[in-house]
Amino acid sequence: MKGVALAVALLATMALNLSARNFTLRGRFTDVANDTLRIEYVVREPEKRVVNAAVPVDGEGLFTYECSLVQACQASLAVRSTGGKESLFFVPGERAEVEGPFASASDWRIGGSAFYQRFDSLRQQLVPFYREFDAVRARYERDVAGGLDRTEADSIRKAANLAINRRLWVVAGRYLSSHTDDELSAVLLLNQNYTEILPAIRRLSPEVRNGRFRSYIDVIESIFSRVAREQQAAAAARPELEVGRPAPDFTLKDINGEEFRLSALFGRGKYVVVDFWGSWCSWCIREFPTLEEYCRRYGERLEIVGVACNDRQERWRAAVAKNRMPWLQVFSHDGTTEVRYGVTAYPFKVVLSPEGRVLACFKGSGEAFYRLLDRLLQGD
C-alpha cells in the first residue's frame, strides 16, 4: 500500500509540474540541424532571476521548450552553429510556433495561439524596416572592408538608420495611439522615439498596464524615467561644463577604499581626463587599450580618472582587475557625480586643463577626443 501511495504522490507531483508549464515554444529552424538552442530570459516574479536553458534541436531542425511564467518577458535565443542572437516575447498562457531560418528572423513565420497569430500580423508591418536595417549594416561592413574611413562609415550608417527609424516611429506610434487596450502595444513600446515611450505607457489602459506585461512595462518605465531625470540634470549641468569654467569638484572612494578628491590633481601641471564608464558598457571597455596607450605616451603630462557609474562594487573591481587599467579608479556609489556632470550616455569624457578648467566634453566613442589630447600634449 505504501508503494501505491508513493506512486500516486509522484504522479500527482508530475501532473502539478506539467500544469505549471504555461508557456510552450516549438518550431523548426530550416538552417539548423543537430544543434542546441540556447535560451536566456529574466523572470521578475515571484523573485528576480536569470533563466538559462539548452534545448536540443534535432536533425530536422525541430525543437520544443516549455516553462512556467508569471509575467511576460523578452527572451534571447542563440544557436551555436549560426552565431548571432534573436529575441522573442514569452507570454504566460500562450503557445508560440516558429518556422524559418534562424539566421534571418525577418523570414520567420510565427503562429500558435491567437496571441501569437496577432503578434505575427503586427510584426509583418515592421519587417520591411528590419530588412532596411539589415541592408544598412551590410553596406557598412562592405564600406569598412573596402577601406572607407570607419568614422565616415559610422556617420553614413547613423544617418541611414535615423531615416529608417523616423518612418518606423510613425507606424509604431499610430498603433500605440489607437490600441491602448491591446497587449500588443507593450511589444511596440521600444519601437518609437525614446521621448514618446513614457507618454505611451501612461496612455495604456489599466488592463494592459497591470496585465501580463506589467513587469516588462515596469522595467521600461524605470529605465526611461531615469533617462528623463538624467536629461533634466544634463540641462542643469550644461552651464557648469561650459569651456573655461572650473570643473565641478567631487570626492569618491578609490579602488583601495581611500577617499579621492578631483581637485587634488589641479595645479600639478597635468591635464586631467574624467572618464565616466561602467563594467556593463562594452563601448567603454573597448576604449581601454587606447586609453592605456595614451597613459604611456603622455603619462608625465596626463592624469586619467575613471568614474564607475550605475555599477556594482564587485563587478567594478572585477572589471578593473581584468582590464588592468593603470589610471585612477573611483566608484560613484549614489549617482550624484554623473548627474552633476550631466552624463546621459557612456562613455562620457571631460578634458580639464592643469588648473581644473573645462576644455571639452565628449559623449560616446570617437577620434575627436584623442585628436584633442594629441594637440594639447604633443607640442608641450
Protein backbone atom coordinates (compact mmCIF):
# COMPACT_ATOMS: atom_id res chain seq x y z
CA MET A 1 0.00 0.00 0.00
CA LYS A 2 2.84 2.34 0.80
CA GLY A 3 4.25 1.74 -2.69
CA VAL A 4 0.90 2.55 -4.28
CA ALA A 5 0.58 5.71 -2.20
CA LEU A 6 4.08 6.79 -3.19
CA ALA A 7 3.35 6.19 -6.86
CA VAL A 8 0.14 8.22 -6.63
CA ALA A 9 2.03 11.04 -4.93
CA LEU A 10 4.71 11.03 -7.61
CA LEU A 11 2.12 11.10 -10.38
CA ALA A 12 0.34 13.97 -8.68
CA THR A 13 3.60 15.90 -8.41
CA MET A 14 4.38 15.29 -12.07
CA ALA A 15 0.90 16.42 -13.06
CA LEU A 16 1.32 19.57 -10.98
CA ASN A 17 4.69 20.34 -12.61
CA LEU A 18 3.27 19.80 -16.08
CA SER A 19 0.27 22.02 -15.37
CA ALA A 20 2.64 24.74 -14.14
CA ARG A 21 4.25 24.89 -17.56
CA ASN A 22 2.01 27.56 -19.01
CA PHE A 23 4.16 28.58 -21.99
CA THR A 24 5.31 26.49 -24.93
CA LEU A 25 7.74 27.36 -27.71
CA ARG A 26 8.13 24.90 -30.53
CA GLY A 27 9.28 25.18 -34.09
CA ARG A 28 11.69 24.33 -36.85
CA PHE A 29 14.79 26.22 -37.95
CA THR A 30 15.42 25.48 -41.61
CA ASP A 31 19.15 26.25 -41.40
CA VAL A 32 19.92 24.32 -38.19
CA ALA A 33 20.32 20.60 -37.53
CA ASN A 34 21.65 18.54 -34.62
CA ASP A 35 22.44 21.62 -32.58
CA THR A 36 21.43 23.37 -29.37
CA LEU A 37 19.10 26.34 -28.98
CA ARG A 38 20.26 28.43 -26.04
CA ILE A 39 17.52 30.44 -24.35
CA GLU A 40 18.02 33.15 -21.75
CA TYR A 41 15.48 35.40 -20.07
CA VAL A 42 14.86 37.21 -16.80
CA VAL A 43 11.84 36.45 -14.64
CA ARG A 44 10.98 39.06 -12.03
CA GLU A 45 8.17 37.34 -10.13
CA PRO A 46 7.98 35.94 -7.55
CA GLU A 47 11.66 36.99 -7.41
CA LYS A 48 14.17 38.18 -9.98
CA ARG A 49 16.36 35.50 -11.53
CA VAL A 50 18.02 34.70 -14.84
CA VAL A 51 16.85 31.53 -16.57
CA ASN A 52 19.16 29.71 -18.97
CA ALA A 53 18.08 26.68 -20.97
CA ALA A 54 19.77 24.46 -23.53
CA VAL A 55 17.17 23.00 -25.90
CA PRO A 56 18.12 20.18 -28.31
CA VAL A 57 17.47 20.83 -32.00
CA ASP A 58 17.13 17.56 -33.90
CA GLY A 59 18.33 16.61 -37.37
CA GLU A 60 15.32 18.23 -38.99
CA GLY A 61 15.67 21.49 -37.07
CA LEU A 62 12.77 20.71 -34.72
CA PHE A 63 12.73 21.84 -31.08
CA THR A 64 10.34 22.27 -28.14
CA TYR A 65 10.67 24.26 -24.92
CA GLU A 66 8.19 24.59 -22.06
CA CYS A 67 8.32 26.69 -18.92
CA SER A 68 6.26 28.32 -16.22
CA LEU A 69 5.81 32.10 -16.30
CA VAL A 70 4.05 34.60 -14.06
CA GLN A 71 4.68 37.58 -16.35
CA ALA A 72 5.65 38.05 -19.99
CA CYS A 73 9.35 38.53 -20.71
CA GLN A 74 11.64 39.05 -23.68
CA ALA A 75 13.86 36.03 -24.25
CA SER A 76 17.19 35.87 -26.05
CA LEU A 77 17.66 32.97 -28.48
CA ALA A 78 21.01 31.77 -29.82
CA VAL A 79 22.22 28.80 -31.85
CA ARG A 80 25.88 27.80 -31.71
CA SER A 81 26.28 26.90 -35.39
CA THR A 82 24.82 30.07 -36.90
CA GLY A 83 26.02 32.73 -34.47
CA GLY A 84 24.08 35.85 -33.61
CA LYS A 85 21.10 36.31 -31.32
CA GLU A 86 17.40 36.88 -31.82
CA SER A 87 14.62 37.65 -29.37
CA LEU A 88 11.02 36.63 -28.80
CA PHE A 89 8.44 37.50 -26.18
CA PHE A 90 7.43 34.62 -23.93
CA VAL A 91 3.86 35.11 -22.68
CA PRO A 92 2.18 33.01 -19.96
CA GLY A 93 -0.81 31.01 -21.10
CA GLU A 94 0.28 31.08 -24.75
CA ARG A 95 1.86 28.80 -27.35
CA ALA A 96 4.39 30.10 -29.89
CA GLU A 97 5.30 28.23 -33.06
CA VAL A 98 8.26 29.45 -35.12
CA GLU A 99 9.49 28.31 -38.52
CA GLY A 100 12.21 29.71 -40.75
CA PRO A 101 15.97 30.27 -40.91
CA PHE A 102 17.42 31.19 -37.53
CA ALA A 103 19.96 33.46 -39.23
CA SER A 104 17.17 35.63 -40.68
CA ALA A 105 14.43 36.41 -38.18
CA SER A 106 12.77 38.67 -40.75
CA ASP A 107 11.84 35.47 -42.60
CA TRP A 108 10.32 33.71 -39.60
CA ARG A 109 6.68 32.65 -39.69
CA ILE A 110 5.22 32.83 -36.20
CA GLY A 111 1.96 31.15 -35.25
CA GLY A 112 0.47 29.14 -32.43
CA SER A 113 -2.17 30.54 -30.10
CA ALA A 114 -4.33 33.52 -31.08
CA PHE A 115 -1.97 35.96 -29.35
CA TYR A 116 1.00 34.90 -31.48
CA GLN A 117 -1.05 34.93 -34.66
CA ARG A 118 -1.92 38.57 -33.98
CA PHE A 119 1.68 39.21 -32.92
CA ASP A 120 2.97 37.96 -36.27
CA SER A 121 0.40 40.02 -38.17
CA LEU A 122 1.67 43.15 -36.41
CA ARG A 123 5.28 42.06 -36.82
CA GLN A 124 4.87 41.77 -40.59
CA GLN A 125 4.19 45.52 -40.70
CA LEU A 126 7.64 46.10 -39.21
CA VAL A 127 9.60 43.50 -41.20
CA PRO A 128 10.28 45.87 -44.14
CA PHE A 129 12.03 48.24 -41.74
CA TYR A 130 14.09 45.39 -40.26
CA ARG A 131 15.21 44.42 -43.76
CA GLU A 132 16.30 48.00 -44.39
CA PHE A 133 18.37 47.97 -41.18
CA ASP A 134 19.99 44.72 -42.35
CA ALA A 135 20.86 46.32 -45.69
CA VAL A 136 22.42 49.34 -43.95
CA ARG A 137 24.54 47.06 -41.75
CA ALA A 138 25.67 45.04 -44.78
CA ARG A 139 26.64 48.22 -46.61
CA TYR A 140 28.58 49.44 -43.58
CA GLU A 141 30.54 46.18 -43.43
CA ARG A 142 31.30 46.39 -47.17
CA ASP A 143 32.42 50.02 -46.87
CA VAL A 144 34.79 49.30 -43.97
CA ALA A 145 36.16 46.19 -45.67
CA GLY A 146 36.70 48.28 -48.80
CA GLY A 147 38.86 50.78 -46.93
CA LEU A 148 36.40 53.57 -46.16
CA ASP A 149 37.35 55.52 -43.04
CA ARG A 150 35.46 53.99 -40.12
CA THR A 151 34.37 57.38 -38.79
CA GLU A 152 32.86 58.29 -42.15
CA ALA A 153 31.23 54.86 -42.44
CA ASP A 154 29.74 55.27 -38.95
CA SER A 155 28.33 58.65 -39.93
CA ILE A 156 26.71 57.23 -43.06
CA ARG A 157 25.23 54.31 -41.13
CA LYS A 158 23.82 56.52 -38.36
CA ALA A 159 22.17 58.85 -40.87
CA ALA A 160 20.62 55.93 -42.75
CA ASN A 161 19.37 54.26 -39.56
CA LEU A 162 17.85 57.52 -38.34
CA ALA A 163 15.93 57.95 -41.59
CA ILE A 164 14.55 54.40 -41.26
CA ASN A 165 13.71 54.88 -37.60
CA ARG A 166 11.74 58.04 -38.26
CA ARG A 167 9.42 56.12 -40.58
CA LEU A 168 9.25 53.19 -38.16
CA TRP A 169 8.32 55.53 -35.30
CA VAL A 170 5.33 56.79 -37.27
CA VAL A 171 3.97 53.27 -37.84
CA ALA A 172 4.51 52.21 -34.22
CA GLY A 173 3.13 55.48 -32.87
CA ARG A 174 -0.10 55.15 -34.83
CA TYR A 175 -0.68 51.65 -33.50
CA LEU A 176 0.07 52.64 -29.92
CA SER A 177 -2.24 55.64 -30.08
CA SER A 178 -5.18 53.62 -31.39
CA HIS A 179 -4.65 50.38 -29.43
CA THR A 180 -4.21 51.48 -25.82
CA ASP A 181 -6.25 48.49 -24.63
CA ASP A 182 -4.25 45.91 -26.62
CA GLU A 183 -1.44 43.87 -25.03
CA LEU A 184 0.49 44.05 -28.30
CA SER A 185 1.07 47.73 -27.62
CA ALA A 186 3.52 46.68 -24.89
CA VAL A 187 5.54 44.84 -27.54
CA LEU A 188 5.83 48.05 -29.59
CA LEU A 189 6.91 50.43 -26.82
CA LEU A 190 10.60 50.37 -27.78
CA ASN A 191 9.85 50.82 -31.49
CA GLN A 192 9.31 54.55 -31.16
CA ASN A 193 11.31 57.66 -30.36
CA TYR A 194 12.50 57.44 -26.75
CA THR A 195 10.77 60.74 -25.92
CA GLU A 196 7.40 59.10 -26.66
CA ILE A 197 7.86 55.98 -24.54
CA LEU A 198 6.73 57.34 -21.17
CA PRO A 199 3.67 59.13 -22.65
CA ALA A 200 2.74 55.88 -24.44
CA ILE A 201 2.95 53.94 -21.17
CA ARG A 202 0.73 56.49 -19.44
CA ARG A 203 -1.89 56.07 -22.19
CA LEU A 204 -2.17 52.29 -21.77
CA SER A 205 -5.41 51.01 -20.28
CA PRO A 206 -5.25 49.70 -16.69
CA GLU A 207 -5.92 46.19 -18.00
CA VAL A 208 -2.81 46.30 -20.21
CA ARG A 209 -0.63 48.27 -17.80
CA ASN A 210 -1.36 45.85 -14.95
CA GLY A 211 -1.75 42.70 -17.03
CA ARG A 212 0.63 40.02 -18.27
CA PHE A 213 3.20 42.58 -19.48
CA ARG A 214 3.27 44.56 -16.23
CA SER A 215 6.81 43.56 -15.20
CA TYR A 216 8.17 44.26 -18.68
CA ILE A 217 6.49 47.68 -18.76
CA ASP A 218 7.76 48.42 -15.24
CA VAL A 219 11.36 47.89 -16.39
CA ILE A 220 10.93 50.13 -19.43
CA GLU A 221 9.26 52.83 -17.35
CA SER A 222 12.07 52.70 -14.78
CA ILE A 223 14.79 52.98 -17.43
CA PHE A 224 13.26 55.87 -19.33
CA SER A 225 12.20 57.71 -16.19
CA ARG A 226 15.88 57.66 -15.24
CA VAL A 227 16.81 58.86 -18.73
CA ALA A 228 14.38 61.77 -18.36
CA ARG A 229 15.88 62.69 -14.99
CA GLU A 230 19.40 62.50 -16.41
CA GLN A 231 18.47 64.76 -19.30
CA GLN A 232 17.00 67.30 -16.92
CA ALA A 233 20.18 67.11 -14.87
CA ALA A 234 22.28 67.49 -18.03
CA ALA A 235 20.40 70.63 -18.96
CA ALA A 236 21.01 72.00 -15.46
CA ALA A 237 24.70 70.99 -15.58
CA ARG A 238 25.37 72.49 -19.01
CA PRO A 239 26.34 75.96 -17.69
CA GLU A 240 28.84 74.36 -15.26
CA LEU A 241 30.51 72.47 -18.10
CA GLU A 242 30.98 75.45 -20.37
CA VAL A 243 34.51 75.79 -21.71
CA GLY A 244 36.67 77.76 -19.28
CA ARG A 245 34.52 77.10 -16.22
CA PRO A 246 36.03 75.37 -13.16
CA ALA A 247 35.13 71.68 -13.20
CA PRO A 248 32.61 70.54 -10.57
CA ASP A 249 34.61 69.01 -7.75
CA PHE A 250 33.78 65.63 -6.23
CA THR A 251 35.05 63.23 -3.59
CA LEU A 252 34.68 59.48 -4.13
CA LYS A 253 36.39 56.34 -2.85
CA ASP A 254 39.09 54.76 -4.98
CA ILE A 255 39.78 51.08 -5.66
CA ASN A 256 41.61 50.82 -2.30
CA GLY A 257 38.73 52.35 -0.34
CA GLU A 258 40.57 55.65 0.16
CA GLU A 259 38.84 58.98 -0.44
CA PHE A 260 39.88 60.73 -3.63
CA ARG A 261 39.15 64.38 -4.40
CA LEU A 262 39.29 65.55 -8.01
CA SER A 263 40.64 68.99 -7.16
CA ALA A 264 43.70 67.34 -5.57
CA LEU A 265 45.02 66.88 -9.13
CA PHE A 266 44.78 70.55 -10.07
CA GLY A 267 47.82 72.81 -10.10
CA ARG A 268 50.29 69.97 -10.74
CA GLY A 269 50.94 70.74 -14.39
CA LYS A 270 48.94 67.79 -15.75
CA TYR A 271 45.89 67.74 -17.99
CA VAL A 272 43.08 65.70 -16.47
CA VAL A 273 40.56 63.42 -18.18
CA VAL A 274 37.49 62.35 -16.22
CA ASP A 275 36.15 59.18 -17.87
CA PHE A 276 32.63 58.10 -16.86
CA TRP A 277 32.16 54.40 -17.59
CA GLY A 278 30.67 51.13 -16.30
CA SER A 279 31.57 47.46 -16.31
CA TRP A 280 28.32 46.88 -18.25
CA CYS A 281 29.37 49.29 -21.06
CA SER A 282 31.08 47.40 -23.90
CA TRP A 283 31.91 50.63 -25.75
CA CYS A 284 33.68 51.93 -22.63
CA ILE A 285 35.75 48.78 -22.22
CA ARG A 286 36.62 48.75 -25.91
CA GLU A 287 38.46 52.06 -25.44
CA PHE A 288 40.64 50.93 -22.55
CA PRO A 289 43.60 49.72 -24.69
CA THR A 290 43.75 53.12 -26.40
CA LEU A 291 43.49 54.95 -23.08
CA GLU A 292 46.30 52.80 -21.72
CA GLU A 293 48.42 53.68 -24.74
CA TYR A 294 47.81 57.39 -24.11
CA CYS A 295 48.73 56.92 -20.45
CA ARG A 296 52.10 55.52 -21.51
CA ARG A 297 52.64 58.13 -24.20
CA TYR A 298 51.74 61.20 -22.14
CA GLY A 299 51.98 59.92 -18.58
CA GLU A 300 54.11 62.84 -17.38
CA ARG A 301 51.52 65.38 -18.59
CA LEU A 302 48.25 63.46 -18.34
CA GLU A 303 46.12 62.11 -15.49
CA ILE A 304 43.03 59.97 -16.15
CA VAL A 305 40.31 59.38 -13.57
CA GLY A 306 37.82 56.60 -14.26
CA VAL A 307 34.43 57.05 -12.59
CA ALA A 308 32.35 53.85 -12.49
CA CYS A 309 28.62 54.60 -12.77
CA ASN A 310 25.41 52.57 -12.40
CA ASP A 311 27.55 49.66 -11.30
CA ARG A 312 28.07 47.17 -8.51
CA GLN A 313 31.20 47.22 -6.40
CA GLU A 314 32.15 43.61 -7.15
CA ARG A 315 31.64 43.99 -10.90
CA TRP A 316 33.58 47.25 -10.95
CA ARG A 317 36.52 45.71 -9.10
CA ALA A 318 36.49 42.65 -11.35
CA ALA A 319 36.48 44.83 -14.48
CA VAL A 320 39.38 46.95 -13.20
CA ALA A 321 41.39 43.81 -12.43
CA LYS A 322 40.56 42.10 -15.71
CA ASN A 323 41.40 45.10 -17.88
CA ARG A 324 44.48 46.09 -15.85
CA MET A 325 43.78 49.81 -16.02
CA PRO A 326 46.78 51.73 -14.67
CA TRP A 327 44.94 55.02 -14.13
CA LEU A 328 42.97 56.22 -11.10
CA GLN A 329 39.65 54.46 -10.50
CA VAL A 330 36.81 55.68 -8.28
CA PHE A 331 33.27 54.44 -7.68
CA SER A 332 30.13 56.60 -7.88
CA HIS A 333 28.02 54.99 -5.18
CA ASP A 334 24.93 57.20 -5.35
CA GLY A 335 24.89 58.59 -8.90
CA THR A 336 25.19 62.24 -7.88
CA THR A 337 28.57 62.79 -9.57
CA GLU A 338 27.39 61.79 -13.03
CA VAL A 339 24.25 63.87 -12.50
CA ARG A 340 26.35 66.93 -11.69
CA TYR A 341 28.31 66.35 -14.88
CA GLY A 342 25.15 65.85 -16.92
CA VAL A 343 26.12 62.37 -18.12
CA THR A 344 23.43 60.86 -20.36
CA ALA A 345 25.49 58.40 -22.43
CA TYR A 346 28.58 56.29 -21.92
CA PRO A 347 31.47 56.61 -22.21
CA PHE A 348 31.47 60.31 -21.32
CA LYS A 349 34.77 62.15 -21.05
CA VAL A 350 35.60 65.60 -19.74
CA VAL A 351 39.02 67.11 -20.53
CA LEU A 352 40.32 69.58 -17.96
CA SER A 353 43.24 71.98 -18.01
CA PRO A 354 46.03 71.59 -15.43
CA GLU A 355 44.23 74.29 -13.45
CA GLY A 356 40.98 72.30 -13.45
CA ARG A 357 39.01 74.25 -16.04
CA VAL A 358 36.76 72.59 -18.60
CA LEU A 359 38.32 72.31 -22.07
CA ALA A 360 35.90 69.91 -23.78
CA CYS A 361 33.28 67.18 -23.24
CA PHE A 362 32.87 64.05 -25.37
CA LYS A 363 29.79 61.83 -25.41
CA GLY A 364 30.27 58.29 -26.70
CA SER A 365 33.28 56.97 -28.60
CA GLY A 366 35.17 58.78 -31.33
CA GLU A 367 38.50 60.01 -32.61
CA ALA A 368 37.91 63.69 -31.76
CA PHE A 369 38.79 63.09 -28.10
CA TYR A 370 42.18 61.58 -28.96
CA ARG A 371 42.94 64.27 -31.53
CA LEU A 372 42.40 66.90 -28.83
CA LEU A 373 44.77 65.11 -26.45
CA ASP A 374 47.43 64.90 -29.16
CA ARG A 375 47.04 68.59 -29.92
CA LEU A 376 47.25 69.56 -26.24
CA LEU A 377 50.15 67.31 -25.31
CA GLN A 378 52.39 66.71 -28.30
CA GLY A 379 53.85 70.17 -28.51
CA ASP A 380 54.04 70.91 -24.79
